[in-house]
Amino acid sequence: MHPRIRWGIIATGNIAGQFARDLALLPDHEVVAVGSRSLARAQAYAEEFGVRRAYGSYTDLVSDLDVDVVYVATPHSDHLATARLALEAGKAVLCEKALTANAREARELVSLAQEKRLFFMEAMWMRCNPLHLQLRDLIAGGSIGQPQTLHASMGFLAEYDPEGRLFAPELAGGALLDIGVYPVSLAHHLLGPPATVRATATLAPTGVDASVGMVFGYASGVVATLTGSIAGILPNDAAIGGTEGWIDIPRNFHDTTSLTVHREGKDPETYAVEKHGIGYTYEAIEVARCLREGLVESPLVSWADSLAVMDVLDGVREQIGVQYPNDVHSDDETPP
């Protein structure tokens, strides 16, 4: 393998820019190409971030022989077609969260990656944060006794735009897939798949969820209460309660740099890490490790975990009555 991990980035939105800034902090990573449906946007992105080549189609980008791994930063509705295009071109793929618009699409991509023996990972960067890995170890090690409750919220006030990616059903919009996936993924990371799921939501005029609340029940007796919203500002914090204490994860829990363990009769104990960039650096480092070791999936963000989360998201959407055009199978999904 080339001594540097050479990235091709598909799409030029805000998250693609943030990812490029974090990659610039890693000396063994380089963005060598960017692709967009608009050549002008690709060229503007390339100029801003010092990228050598700009393409006006996704097909041209995935055909670039210098690209080792493709980062898919399109709206959720395009994840299936775009990631499939890259995998079929023989490229490793890091695909933004939520992995796809529904679990059926996610399984299609995992099956294709298995068939091609190519690395494929959901960009759930929270799962690569060293503090979240330590959090899991603290809970598994009994630091707060037997877990009993989990709370997590994620929300912000978005300007309503019926055609924007957050509110348009055809773009798989809504709070659940955009930010509700973080609390759901946190719960899965710490507790595994729930035995029961109860959900309620307030829908935007377009029919997607503007705010969603979920209660997960587990066979162990743990109860998780999770919320997501694009209609109001939430604390964006998390807390795990147990029989011997609790753990607070402050705002913003998904990219936190500290957590505090509280135990009855003892002084609070705080764990902290120094933030490296926005936090996307952690997932990029994990991708590089897996590629260099010849792994097709990451143990930190496994295919099984991503599929289990997508199954839960599908179940929540069914309960709250949110449907996307991609929920109906289409064979005509190849992007330009």
C-alpha atoms as a PDB file:
ATOM      1  CA  MET A   1       0.000   0.000   0.000  1.00  0.00           C
ATOM      2  CA  HIS A   2       1.065   3.580  -0.635  1.00  0.00           C
ATOM      3  CA  PRO A   3       2.740   5.068   2.478  1.00  0.00           C
ATOM      4  CA  ARG A   4      -0.002   7.702   2.669  1.00  0.00           C
ATOM      5  CA  ILE A   5      -3.724   6.936   2.785  1.00  0.00           C
ATOM      6  CA  ARG A   6      -5.084   8.650  -0.323  1.00  0.00           C
ATOM      7  CA  TRP A   7      -8.674   9.816  -0.040  1.00  0.00           C
ATOM      8  CA  GLY A   8     -11.278  10.635  -2.629  1.00  0.00           C
ATOM      9  CA  ILE A   9     -14.159  12.711  -1.250  1.00  0.00           C
ATOM     10  CA  ILE A  10     -17.613  12.575  -2.796  1.00  0.00           C
ATOM     11  CA  ALA A  11     -19.789  15.664  -2.224  1.00  0.00           C
ATOM     12  CA  THR A  12     -18.684  19.131  -1.176  1.00  0.00           C
ATOM     13  CA  GLY A  13     -20.994  20.109   1.686  1.00  0.00           C
ATOM     14  CA  ASN A  14     -20.153  21.219   5.199  1.00  0.00           C
ATOM     15  CA  ILE A  15     -19.277  17.790   6.578  1.00  0.00           C
ATOM     16  CA  ALA A  16     -16.978  17.074   3.617  1.00  0.00           C
ATOM     17  CA  GLY A  17     -15.119  20.282   4.414  1.00  0.00           C
ATOM     18  CA  GLN A  18     -14.805  19.406   8.090  1.00  0.00           C
ATOM     19  CA  PHE A  19     -13.469  15.977   7.192  1.00  0.00           C
ATOM     20  CA  ALA A  20     -10.833  17.477   4.882  1.00  0.00           C
ATOM     21  CA  ARG A  21      -9.678  19.837   7.644  1.00  0.00           C
ATOM     22  CA  ASP A  22      -9.208  16.921  10.028  1.00  0.00           C
ATOM     23  CA  LEU A  23      -7.389  14.827   7.433  1.00  0.00           C
ATOM     24  CA  ALA A  24      -4.952  17.719   6.989  1.00  0.00           C
ATOM     25  CA  LEU A  25      -3.892  17.185  10.620  1.00  0.00           C
ATOM     26  CA  LEU A  26      -2.742  13.635   9.873  1.00  0.00           C
ATOM     27  CA  PRO A  27       0.650  13.481   8.142  1.00  0.00           C
ATOM     28  CA  ASP A  28       0.033  10.065   6.566  1.00  0.00           C
ATOM     29  CA  HIS A  29      -3.327  11.026   5.010  1.00  0.00           C
ATOM     30  CA  GLU A  30      -4.017  13.054   1.875  1.00  0.00           C
ATOM     31  CA  VAL A  31      -7.101  14.082  -0.093  1.00  0.00           C
ATOM     32  CA  VAL A  32      -6.075  13.516  -3.708  1.00  0.00           C
ATOM     33  CA  ALA A  33      -9.451  13.977  -5.436  1.00  0.00           C
ATOM     34  CA  VAL A  34     -12.924  15.385  -4.926  1.00  0.00           C
ATOM     35  CA  GLY A  35     -16.060  14.606  -6.889  1.00  0.00           C
ATOM     36  CA  SER A  36     -19.359  16.436  -7.209  1.00  0.00           C
ATOM     37  CA  ARG A  37     -22.294  16.491  -9.576  1.00  0.00           C
ATOM     38  CA  SER A  38     -21.128  20.048 -10.292  1.00  0.00           C
ATOM     39  CA  LEU A  39     -17.604  20.466 -11.645  1.00  0.00           C
ATOM     40  CA  ALA A  40     -17.616  24.079 -10.465  1.00  0.00           C
ATOM     41  CA  ARG A  41     -18.352  23.018  -6.872  1.00  0.00           C
ATOM     42  CA  ALA A  42     -15.678  20.340  -7.035  1.00  0.00           C
ATOM     43  CA  GLN A  43     -13.151  22.852  -8.343  1.00  0.00           C
ATOM     44  CA  ALA A  44     -14.031  25.361  -5.607  1.00  0.00           C
ATOM     45  CA  TYR A  45     -13.625  22.658  -2.953  1.00  0.00           C
ATOM     46  CA  ALA A  46     -10.316  21.550  -4.470  1.00  0.00           C
ATOM     47  CA  GLU A  47      -9.009  25.105  -4.413  1.00  0.00           C
ATOM     48  CA  GLU A  48     -10.103  25.672  -0.809  1.00  0.00           C
ATOM     49  CA  PHE A  49      -8.583  22.456   0.554  1.00  0.00           C
ATOM     50  CA  GLY A  50      -5.593  22.041  -1.744  1.00  0.00           C
ATOM     51  CA  VAL A  51      -6.914  18.951  -3.531  1.00  0.00           C
ATOM     52  CA  ARG A  52      -5.078  18.015  -6.724  1.00  0.00           C
ATOM     53  CA  ARG A  53      -7.968  16.792  -8.869  1.00  0.00           C
ATOM     54  CA  ALA A  54     -11.618  17.813  -9.143  1.00  0.00           C
ATOM     55  CA  TYR A  55     -14.224  15.758 -10.962  1.00  0.00           C
ATOM     56  CA  GLY A  56     -17.694  16.681 -12.154  1.00  0.00           C
ATOM     57  CA  SER A  57     -19.028  13.157 -11.670  1.00  0.00           C
ATOM     58  CA  TYR A  58     -18.814  10.479  -9.012  1.00  0.00           C
ATOM     59  CA  THR A  59     -17.920   7.881 -11.644  1.00  0.00           C
ATOM     60  CA  ASP A  60     -14.808   9.810 -12.616  1.00  0.00           C
ATOM     61  CA  LEU A  61     -13.707  10.056  -8.988  1.00  0.00           C
ATOM     62  CA  VAL A  62     -14.043   6.343  -8.207  1.00  0.00           C
ATOM     63  CA  SER A  63     -12.102   5.598 -11.413  1.00  0.00           C
ATOM     64  CA  ASP A  64      -9.081   7.563 -10.175  1.00  0.00           C
ATOM     65  CA  LEU A  65      -6.267   5.025  -9.714  1.00  0.00           C
ATOM     66  CA  ASP A  66      -4.598   7.121  -7.006  1.00  0.00           C
ATOM     67  CA  VAL A  67      -7.614   6.898  -4.666  1.00  0.00           C
ATOM     68  CA  ASP A  68      -7.297   4.267  -1.929  1.00  0.00           C
ATOM     69  CA  VAL A  69     -10.534   4.969  -0.074  1.00  0.00           C
ATOM     70  CA  VAL A  70     -13.669   6.959  -0.874  1.00  0.00           C
ATOM     71  CA  TYR A  71     -15.433   9.086   1.728  1.00  0.00           C
ATOM     72  CA  VAL A  72     -19.162   9.357   0.942  1.00  0.00           C
ATOM     73  CA  ALA A  73     -20.586  12.635   2.270  1.00  0.00           C
ATOM     74  CA  THR A  74     -23.805  12.830   0.243  1.00  0.00           C
ATOM     75  CA  PRO A  75     -27.316  13.023   1.762  1.00  0.00           C
ATOM     76  CA  HIS A  76     -28.642   9.754   3.215  1.00  0.00           C
ATOM     77  CA  SER A  77     -30.787   9.134   0.154  1.00  0.00           C
ATOM     78  CA  ASP A  78     -27.677   8.814  -2.027  1.00  0.00           C
ATOM     79  CA  HIS A  79     -25.563   6.631   0.265  1.00  0.00           C
ATOM     80  CA  LEU A  80     -26.627   3.344  -1.324  1.00  0.00           C
ATOM     81  CA  ALA A  81     -25.982   4.351  -4.923  1.00  0.00           C
ATOM     82  CA  THR A  82     -22.784   6.265  -4.231  1.00  0.00           C
ATOM     83  CA  ALA A  83     -21.167   3.718  -1.915  1.00  0.00           C
ATOM     84  CA  ARG A  84     -22.187   0.928  -4.292  1.00  0.00           C
ATOM     85  CA  LEU A  85     -20.561   2.788  -7.170  1.00  0.00           C
ATOM     86  CA  ALA A  86     -17.304   3.055  -5.225  1.00  0.00           C
ATOM     87  CA  LEU A  87     -17.311  -0.572  -4.082  1.00  0.00           C
ATOM     88  CA  GLU A  88     -18.015  -1.809  -7.602  1.00  0.00           C
ATOM     89  CA  ALA A  89     -15.028   0.246  -8.753  1.00  0.00           C
ATOM     90  CA  GLY A  90     -12.874  -1.649  -6.247  1.00  0.00           C
ATOM     91  CA  LYS A  91     -12.509   1.149  -3.702  1.00  0.00           C
ATOM     92  CA  ALA A  92     -12.613   0.956   0.072  1.00  0.00           C
ATOM     93  CA  VAL A  93     -15.432   3.100   1.463  1.00  0.00           C
ATOM     94  CA  LEU A  94     -16.116   5.212   4.541  1.00  0.00           C
ATOM     95  CA  CYS A  95     -19.799   6.171   4.331  1.00  0.00           C
ATOM     96  CA  GLU A  96     -21.396   8.881   6.422  1.00  0.00           C
ATOM     97  CA  LYS A  97     -23.926   8.035   9.091  1.00  0.00           C
ATOM     98  CA  ALA A  98     -26.715   7.052   9.130  1.00  0.00           C
ATOM     99  CA  LEU A  99     -25.268   4.348   6.900  1.00  0.00           C
ATOM    100  CA  THR A 100     -28.209   4.348   4.484  1.00  0.00           C
ATOM    101  CA  ALA A 101     -31.857   5.375   4.333  1.00  0.00           C
ATOM    102  CA  ASN A 102     -32.993   1.954   5.565  1.00  0.00           C
ATOM    103  CA  ALA A 103     -31.697  -1.416   6.716  1.00  0.00           C
ATOM    104  CA  ARG A 104     -32.358  -3.141   3.380  1.00  0.00           C
ATOM    105  CA  GLU A 105     -29.951  -0.760   1.666  1.00  0.00           C
ATOM    106  CA  ALA A 106     -27.363  -1.220   4.392  1.00  0.00           C
ATOM    107  CA  ARG A 107     -27.459  -4.994   3.974  1.00  0.00           C
ATOM    108  CA  GLU A 108     -26.980  -4.603   0.237  1.00  0.00           C
ATOM    109  CA  LEU A 109     -23.798  -2.611   0.763  1.00  0.00           C
ATOM    110  CA  VAL A 110     -22.427  -4.981   3.396  1.00  0.00           C
ATOM    111  CA  SER A 111     -23.100  -7.940   1.095  1.00  0.00           C
ATOM    112  CA  LEU A 112     -21.314  -6.176  -1.756  1.00  0.00           C
ATOM    113  CA  ALA A 113     -18.313  -5.371   0.446  1.00  0.00           C
ATOM    114  CA  GLN A 114     -18.189  -9.024   1.547  1.00  0.00           C
ATOM    115  CA  GLU A 115     -18.393 -10.213  -2.044  1.00  0.00           C
ATOM    116  CA  LYS A 116     -15.668  -7.821  -3.205  1.00  0.00           C
ATOM    117  CA  ARG A 117     -13.574  -8.284  -0.048  1.00  0.00           C
ATOM    118  CA  LEU A 118     -13.291  -4.532   0.312  1.00  0.00           C
ATOM    119  CA  PHE A 119     -13.106  -2.394   3.425  1.00  0.00           C
ATOM    120  CA  PHE A 120     -16.435  -0.705   4.235  1.00  0.00           C
ATOM    121  CA  MET A 121     -17.335   1.285   7.330  1.00  0.00           C
ATOM    122  CA  GLU A 122     -20.027   3.621   8.578  1.00  0.00           C
ATOM    123  CA  ALA A 123     -18.565   6.989   9.586  1.00  0.00           C
ATOM    124  CA  MET A 124     -19.893   6.788  13.149  1.00  0.00           C
ATOM    125  CA  TRP A 125     -16.876   8.719  14.412  1.00  0.00           C
ATOM    126  CA  MET A 126     -18.176   8.704  17.983  1.00  0.00           C
ATOM    127  CA  ARG A 127     -17.419   4.982  18.179  1.00  0.00           C
ATOM    128  CA  CYS A 128     -13.726   5.670  17.414  1.00  0.00           C
ATOM    129  CA  ASN A 129     -13.350   8.362  20.072  1.00  0.00           C
ATOM    130  CA  PRO A 130     -10.901   6.992  22.688  1.00  0.00           C
ATOM    131  CA  LEU A 131     -13.043   8.384  25.492  1.00  0.00           C
ATOM    132  CA  HIS A 132     -16.084   6.441  24.257  1.00  0.00           C
ATOM    133  CA  LEU A 133     -13.964   3.299  24.166  1.00  0.00           C
ATOM    134  CA  GLN A 134     -12.934   4.032  27.750  1.00  0.00           C
ATOM    135  CA  LEU A 135     -16.577   4.655  28.672  1.00  0.00           C
ATOM    136  CA  ARG A 136     -17.522   1.179  27.461  1.00  0.00           C
ATOM    137  CA  ASP A 137     -14.668  -0.341  29.436  1.00  0.00           C
ATOM    138  CA  LEU A 138     -15.666   1.551  32.594  1.00  0.00           C
ATOM    139  CA  ILE A 139     -19.220   0.249  32.393  1.00  0.00           C
ATOM    140  CA  ALA A 140     -18.160  -3.296  31.510  1.00  0.00           C
ATOM    141  CA  GLY A 141     -15.695  -3.191  34.404  1.00  0.00           C
ATOM    142  CA  GLY A 142     -18.438  -2.412  36.917  1.00  0.00           C
ATOM    143  CA  SER A 143     -17.390   1.165  37.726  1.00  0.00           C
ATOM    144  CA  ILE A 144     -21.022   2.089  38.462  1.00  0.00           C
ATOM    145  CA  GLY A 145     -22.257  -1.377  39.329  1.00  0.00           C
ATOM    146  CA  GLN A 146     -25.031  -2.834  37.229  1.00  0.00           C
ATOM    147  CA  PRO A 147     -26.335  -0.318  34.640  1.00  0.00           C
ATOM    148  CA  GLN A 148     -29.984   0.595  35.102  1.00  0.00           C
ATOM    149  CA  THR A 149     -30.677   3.650  32.940  1.00  0.00           C
ATOM    150  CA  LEU A 150     -29.254   5.509  29.962  1.00  0.00           C
ATOM    151  CA  HIS A 151     -30.237   8.997  28.845  1.00  0.00           C
ATOM    152  CA  ALA A 152     -28.976  10.748  25.709  1.00  0.00           C
ATOM    153  CA  SER A 153     -30.195  13.752  23.734  1.00  0.00           C
ATOM    154  CA  MET A 154     -29.112  15.448  20.535  1.00  0.00           C
ATOM    155  CA  GLY A 155     -30.849  18.440  19.001  1.00  0.00           C
ATOM    156  CA  PHE A 156     -30.565  21.860  17.402  1.00  0.00           C
ATOM    157  CA  LEU A 157     -32.906  24.384  15.805  1.00  0.00           C
ATOM    158  CA  ALA A 158     -32.781  24.111  12.011  1.00  0.00           C
ATOM    159  CA  GLU A 159     -34.297  26.677   9.691  1.00  0.00           C
ATOM    160  CA  TYR A 160     -37.245  25.026   7.983  1.00  0.00           C
ATOM    161  CA  ASP A 161     -36.583  24.383   4.307  1.00  0.00           C
ATOM    162  CA  PRO A 162     -38.950  21.874   2.702  1.00  0.00           C
ATOM    163  CA  GLU A 163     -36.422  21.192  -0.055  1.00  0.00           C
ATOM    164  CA  GLY A 164     -33.345  21.004   2.182  1.00  0.00           C
ATOM    165  CA  ARG A 165     -31.718  17.730   3.190  1.00  0.00           C
ATOM    166  CA  LEU A 166     -33.002  17.924   6.784  1.00  0.00           C
ATOM    167  CA  PHE A 167     -36.673  18.200   5.861  1.00  0.00           C
ATOM    168  CA  ALA A 168     -37.111  16.594   2.423  1.00  0.00           C
ATOM    169  CA  PRO A 169     -38.382  12.980   2.432  1.00  0.00           C
ATOM    170  CA  GLU A 170     -36.724  12.354  -0.940  1.00  0.00           C
ATOM    171  CA  LEU A 171     -33.382  13.133   0.760  1.00  0.00           C
ATOM    172  CA  ALA A 172     -34.219  10.860   3.730  1.00  0.00           C
ATOM    173  CA  GLY A 173     -34.467  13.877   6.011  1.00  0.00           C
ATOM    174  CA  GLY A 174     -35.594  14.133   9.610  1.00  0.00           C
ATOM    175  CA  ALA A 175     -34.056  14.266  13.055  1.00  0.00           C
ATOM    176  CA  LEU A 176     -33.745  10.498  13.471  1.00  0.00           C
ATOM    177  CA  LEU A 177     -31.306   9.747  10.658  1.00  0.00           C
ATOM    178  CA  ASP A 178     -29.381  13.001  10.963  1.00  0.00           C
ATOM    179  CA  ILE A 179     -28.769  13.247  14.712  1.00  0.00           C
ATOM    180  CA  GLY A 180     -31.034  10.728  16.462  1.00  0.00           C
ATOM    181  CA  VAL A 181     -28.655   8.072  15.176  1.00  0.00           C
ATOM    182  CA  TYR A 182     -26.085   9.269  17.738  1.00  0.00           C
ATOM    183  CA  PRO A 183     -28.147   8.424  20.851  1.00  0.00           C
ATOM    184  CA  VAL A 184     -29.260   5.168  19.232  1.00  0.00           C
ATOM    185  CA  SER A 185     -25.674   4.223  18.386  1.00  0.00           C
ATOM    186  CA  LEU A 186     -24.510   5.159  21.892  1.00  0.00           C
ATOM    187  CA  ALA A 187     -27.155   2.876  23.394  1.00  0.00           C
ATOM    188  CA  HIS A 188     -26.106   0.040  21.117  1.00  0.00           C
ATOM    189  CA  HIS A 189     -22.433   0.648  21.895  1.00  0.00           C
ATOM    190  CA  LEU A 190     -23.015   0.350  25.642  1.00  0.00           C
ATOM    191  CA  LEU A 191     -26.008  -1.963  25.931  1.00  0.00           C
ATOM    192  CA  GLY A 192     -26.415  -3.901  22.693  1.00  0.00           C
ATOM    193  CA  PRO A 193     -29.715  -4.351  20.827  1.00  0.00           C
ATOM    194  CA  PRO A 194     -32.894  -3.479  22.745  1.00  0.00           C
ATOM    195  CA  ALA A 195     -35.614  -6.023  23.463  1.00  0.00           C
ATOM    196  CA  THR A 196     -38.374  -3.431  23.048  1.00  0.00           C
ATOM    197  CA  VAL A 197     -38.621  -0.066  21.312  1.00  0.00           C
ATOM    198  CA  ARG A 198     -41.284   2.578  21.858  1.00  0.00           C
ATOM    199  CA  ALA A 199     -41.221   5.802  19.877  1.00  0.00           C
ATOM    200  CA  THR A 200     -43.205   8.985  19.354  1.00  0.00           C
ATOM    201  CA  ALA A 201     -42.525  12.014  17.183  1.00  0.00           C
ATOM    202  CA  THR A 202     -43.641  15.424  16.028  1.00  0.00           C
ATOM    203  CA  LEU A 203     -43.604  15.577  12.246  1.00  0.00           C
ATOM    204  CA  ALA A 204     -42.608  18.501  10.052  1.00  0.00           C
ATOM    205  CA  PRO A 205     -45.045  19.628   7.321  1.00  0.00           C
ATOM    206  CA  THR A 206     -43.059  17.532   4.831  1.00  0.00           C
ATOM    207  CA  GLY A 207     -43.790  14.372   6.827  1.00  0.00           C
ATOM    208  CA  VAL A 208     -40.312  13.745   8.248  1.00  0.00           C
ATOM    209  CA  ASP A 209     -39.688  13.735  11.986  1.00  0.00           C
ATOM    210  CA  ALA A 210     -38.799  17.128  13.452  1.00  0.00           C
ATOM    211  CA  SER A 211     -38.511  15.724  16.990  1.00  0.00           C
ATOM    212  CA  VAL A 212     -38.416  12.099  18.082  1.00  0.00           C
ATOM    213  CA  GLY A 213     -38.444  10.422  21.479  1.00  0.00           C
ATOM    214  CA  MET A 214     -37.549   6.788  22.087  1.00  0.00           C
ATOM    215  CA  VAL A 215     -37.662   4.420  25.046  1.00  0.00           C
ATOM    216  CA  PHE A 216     -35.640   1.230  24.728  1.00  0.00           C
ATOM    217  CA  GLY A 217     -36.086  -1.725  27.053  1.00  0.00           C
ATOM    218  CA  TYR A 218     -33.414  -4.383  27.547  1.00  0.00           C
ATOM    219  CA  ALA A 219     -33.574  -7.946  28.748  1.00  0.00           C
ATOM    220  CA  SER A 220     -31.191  -6.987  31.552  1.00  0.00           C
ATOM    221  CA  GLY A 221     -33.771  -4.521  32.907  1.00  0.00           C
ATOM    222  CA  VAL A 222     -32.001  -1.377  31.666  1.00  0.00           C
ATOM    223  CA  VAL A 223     -34.203   1.412  30.298  1.00  0.00           C
ATOM    224  CA  ALA A 224     -32.830   3.964  27.807  1.00  0.00           C
ATOM    225  CA  THR A 225     -34.555   7.268  27.021  1.00  0.00           C
ATOM    226  CA  LEU A 226     -33.286   8.904  23.836  1.00  0.00           C
ATOM    227  CA  THR A 227     -34.308  12.102  22.048  1.00  0.00           C
ATOM    228  CA  GLY A 228     -33.411  13.868  18.832  1.00  0.00           C
ATOM    229  CA  SER A 229     -34.661  17.112  17.347  1.00  0.00           C
ATOM    230  CA  ILE A 230     -34.083  19.560  14.519  1.00  0.00           C
ATOM    231  CA  ALA A 231     -36.872  21.751  15.903  1.00  0.00           C
ATOM    232  CA  GLY A 232     -35.346  22.735  19.225  1.00  0.00           C
ATOM    233  CA  ILE A 233     -32.094  23.020  21.143  1.00  0.00           C
ATOM    234  CA  LEU A 234     -31.344  20.079  23.440  1.00  0.00           C
ATOM    235  CA  PRO A 235     -28.601  19.597  26.069  1.00  0.00           C
ATOM    236  CA  ASN A 236     -26.819  17.093  23.798  1.00  0.00           C
ATOM    237  CA  ASP A 237     -25.611  15.282  26.898  1.00  0.00           C
ATOM    238  CA  ALA A 238     -25.749  11.722  28.161  1.00  0.00           C
ATOM    239  CA  ALA A 239     -25.821   9.944  31.517  1.00  0.00           C
ATOM    240  CA  ILE A 240     -25.611   6.293  32.508  1.00  0.00           C
ATOM    241  CA  GLY A 241     -26.971   5.313  35.913  1.00  0.00           C
ATOM    242  CA  GLY A 242     -26.095   2.148  37.800  1.00  0.00           C
ATOM    243  CA  THR A 243     -26.544   0.443  41.138  1.00  0.00           C
ATOM    244  CA  GLU A 244     -23.363   2.016  42.542  1.00  0.00           C
ATOM    245  CA  GLY A 245     -23.168   5.387  40.788  1.00  0.00           C
ATOM    246  CA  TRP A 246     -23.534   7.212  37.503  1.00  0.00           C
ATOM    247  CA  ILE A 247     -21.479   8.634  34.628  1.00  0.00           C
ATOM    248  CA  ASP A 248     -22.090  12.095  33.181  1.00  0.00           C
ATOM    249  CA  ILE A 249     -21.038  12.893  29.615  1.00  0.00           C
ATOM    250  CA  PRO A 250     -21.368  16.639  29.035  1.00  0.00           C
ATOM    251  CA  ARG A 251     -22.336  18.540  25.918  1.00  0.00           C
ATOM    252  CA  ASN A 252     -21.637  17.364  23.256  1.00  0.00           C
ATOM    253  CA  PHE A 253     -21.603  13.710  24.217  1.00  0.00           C
ATOM    254  CA  HIS A 254     -20.833  12.412  20.717  1.00  0.00           C
ATOM    255  CA  ASP A 255     -17.454  14.167  20.522  1.00  0.00           C
ATOM    256  CA  THR A 256     -16.815  14.716  24.205  1.00  0.00           C
ATOM    257  CA  THR A 257     -13.362  15.269  25.638  1.00  0.00           C
ATOM    258  CA  SER A 258     -14.339  14.420  29.214  1.00  0.00           C
ATOM    259  CA  LEU A 259     -16.648  12.300  31.337  1.00  0.00           C
ATOM    260  CA  THR A 260     -17.144  12.094  35.067  1.00  0.00           C
ATOM    261  CA  VAL A 261     -17.764   8.999  37.153  1.00  0.00           C
ATOM    262  CA  HIS A 262     -19.777   9.537  40.351  1.00  0.00           C
ATOM    263  CA  ARG A 263     -19.823   6.835  43.027  1.00  0.00           C
ATOM    264  CA  GLU A 264     -21.642   6.873  46.312  1.00  0.00           C
ATOM    265  CA  GLY A 265     -19.329   7.984  49.103  1.00  0.00           C
ATOM    266  CA  LYS A 266     -16.401   8.821  46.787  1.00  0.00           C
ATOM    267  CA  ASP A 267     -15.118  11.956  45.080  1.00  0.00           C
ATOM    268  CA  PRO A 268     -16.076  12.311  41.418  1.00  0.00           C
ATOM    269  CA  GLU A 269     -13.441  11.056  39.003  1.00  0.00           C
ATOM    270  CA  THR A 270     -13.028  12.779  35.634  1.00  0.00           C
ATOM    271  CA  TYR A 271     -11.464  11.201  32.563  1.00  0.00           C
ATOM    272  CA  ALA A 272     -10.327  13.429  29.694  1.00  0.00           C
ATOM    273  CA  VAL A 273      -8.629  13.333  26.293  1.00  0.00           C
ATOM    274  CA  GLU A 274      -7.195  16.121  24.175  1.00  0.00           C
ATOM    275  CA  LYS A 275      -9.366  16.742  21.148  1.00  0.00           C
ATOM    276  CA  HIS A 276      -7.600  16.199  17.841  1.00  0.00           C
ATOM    277  CA  GLY A 277      -9.311  18.407  15.288  1.00  0.00           C
ATOM    278  CA  ILE A 278     -13.073  18.152  15.167  1.00  0.00           C
ATOM    279  CA  GLY A 279     -12.857  14.467  16.021  1.00  0.00           C
ATOM    280  CA  TYR A 280     -13.028  12.913  12.558  1.00  0.00           C
ATOM    281  CA  THR A 281      -9.324  12.194  12.919  1.00  0.00           C
ATOM    282  CA  TYR A 282     -10.137   9.179  15.112  1.00  0.00           C
ATOM    283  CA  GLU A 283     -12.189   7.455  12.421  1.00  0.00           C
ATOM    284  CA  ALA A 284      -9.620   8.280   9.736  1.00  0.00           C
ATOM    285  CA  ILE A 285      -6.886   6.717  11.877  1.00  0.00           C
ATOM    286  CA  GLU A 286      -9.063   3.625  12.311  1.00  0.00           C
ATOM    287  CA  VAL A 287      -9.659   3.378   8.556  1.00  0.00           C
ATOM    288  CA  ALA A 288      -5.911   3.605   7.946  1.00  0.00           C
ATOM    289  CA  ARG A 289      -5.207   0.908  10.544  1.00  0.00           C
ATOM    290  CA  CYS A 290      -7.729  -1.460   8.984  1.00  0.00           C
ATOM    291  CA  LEU A 291      -6.479  -0.868   5.431  1.00  0.00           C
ATOM    292  CA  ARG A 292      -2.869  -1.472   6.447  1.00  0.00           C
ATOM    293  CA  GLU A 293      -3.810  -4.659   8.297  1.00  0.00           C
ATOM    294  CA  GLY A 294      -5.920  -5.942   5.414  1.00  0.00           C
ATOM    295  CA  LEU A 295      -9.209  -5.829   7.346  1.00  0.00           C
ATOM    296  CA  VAL A 296     -12.496  -5.458   5.477  1.00  0.00           C
ATOM    297  CA  GLU A 297     -14.392  -4.197   8.519  1.00  0.00           C
ATOM    298  CA  SER A 298     -13.514  -2.314  11.665  1.00  0.00           C
ATOM    299  CA  PRO A 299     -14.046  -3.943  15.062  1.00  0.00           C
ATOM    300  CA  LEU A 300     -14.889  -0.472  16.410  1.00  0.00           C
ATOM    301  CA  VAL A 301     -17.722   0.099  13.913  1.00  0.00           C
ATOM    302  CA  SER A 302     -18.566  -3.392  12.766  1.00  0.00           C
ATOM    303  CA  TRP A 303     -20.997  -4.300  10.026  1.00  0.00           C
ATOM    304  CA  ALA A 304     -23.151  -6.135  12.552  1.00  0.00           C
ATOM    305  CA  ASP A 305     -23.370  -3.046  14.758  1.00  0.00           C
ATOM    306  CA  SER A 306     -24.265  -0.745  11.865  1.00  0.00           C
ATOM    307  CA  LEU A 307     -26.937  -3.159  10.625  1.00  0.00           C
ATOM    308  CA  ALA A 308     -28.399  -3.547  14.115  1.00  0.00           C
ATOM    309  CA  VAL A 309     -28.671   0.235  14.464  1.00  0.00           C
ATOM    310  CA  MET A 310     -30.324   0.507  11.034  1.00  0.00           C
ATOM    311  CA  ASP A 311     -32.857  -2.152  12.067  1.00  0.00           C
ATOM    312  CA  VAL A 312     -33.751  -0.072  15.137  1.00  0.00           C
ATOM    313  CA  LEU A 313     -34.049   3.102  13.059  1.00  0.00           C
ATOM    314  CA  ASP A 314     -36.385   1.303  10.645  1.00  0.00           C
ATOM    315  CA  GLY A 315     -38.513   0.154  13.570  1.00  0.00           C
ATOM    316  CA  VAL A 316     -38.709   3.663  14.985  1.00  0.00           C
ATOM    317  CA  ARG A 317     -39.711   5.130  11.629  1.00  0.00           C
ATOM    318  CA  GLU A 318     -42.425   2.517  11.284  1.00  0.00           C
ATOM    319  CA  GLN A 319     -43.856   3.510  14.665  1.00  0.00           C
ATOM    320  CA  ILE A 320     -43.798   7.253  13.977  1.00  0.00           C
ATOM    321  CA  GLY A 321     -45.084   6.933  10.414  1.00  0.00           C
ATOM    322  CA  VAL A 322     -42.123   8.334   8.487  1.00  0.00           C
ATOM    323  CA  GLN A 323     -41.480   6.878   5.038  1.00  0.00           C
ATOM    324  CA  TYR A 324     -38.953   7.672   2.319  1.00  0.00           C
ATOM    325  CA  PRO A 325     -39.098   6.997  -1.426  1.00  0.00           C
ATOM    326  CA  ASN A 326     -36.020   4.768  -0.976  1.00  0.00           C
ATOM    327  CA  ASP A 327     -38.054   2.471   1.274  1.00  0.00           C
ATOM    328  CA  VAL A 328     -39.465   1.107  -1.989  1.00  0.00           C
ATOM    329  CA  HIS A 329     -36.736  -0.744  -3.881  1.00  0.00           C
ATOM    330  CA  SER A 330     -35.430   0.888  -7.017  1.00  0.00           C
ATOM    331  CA  ASP A 331     -32.849  -0.479  -9.448  1.00  0.00           C
ATOM    332  CA  ASP A 332     -32.252   2.935 -11.009  1.00  0.00           C
ATOM    333  CA  GLU A 333     -30.060   4.521  -8.354  1.00  0.00           C
ATOM    334  CA  THR A 334     -26.673   4.989  -9.985  1.00  0.00           C
ATOM    335  CA  PRO A 335     -25.524   8.599  -9.598  1.00  0.00           C
ATOM    336  CA  PRO A 336     -23.780  10.566 -12.343  1.00  0.00           C
END
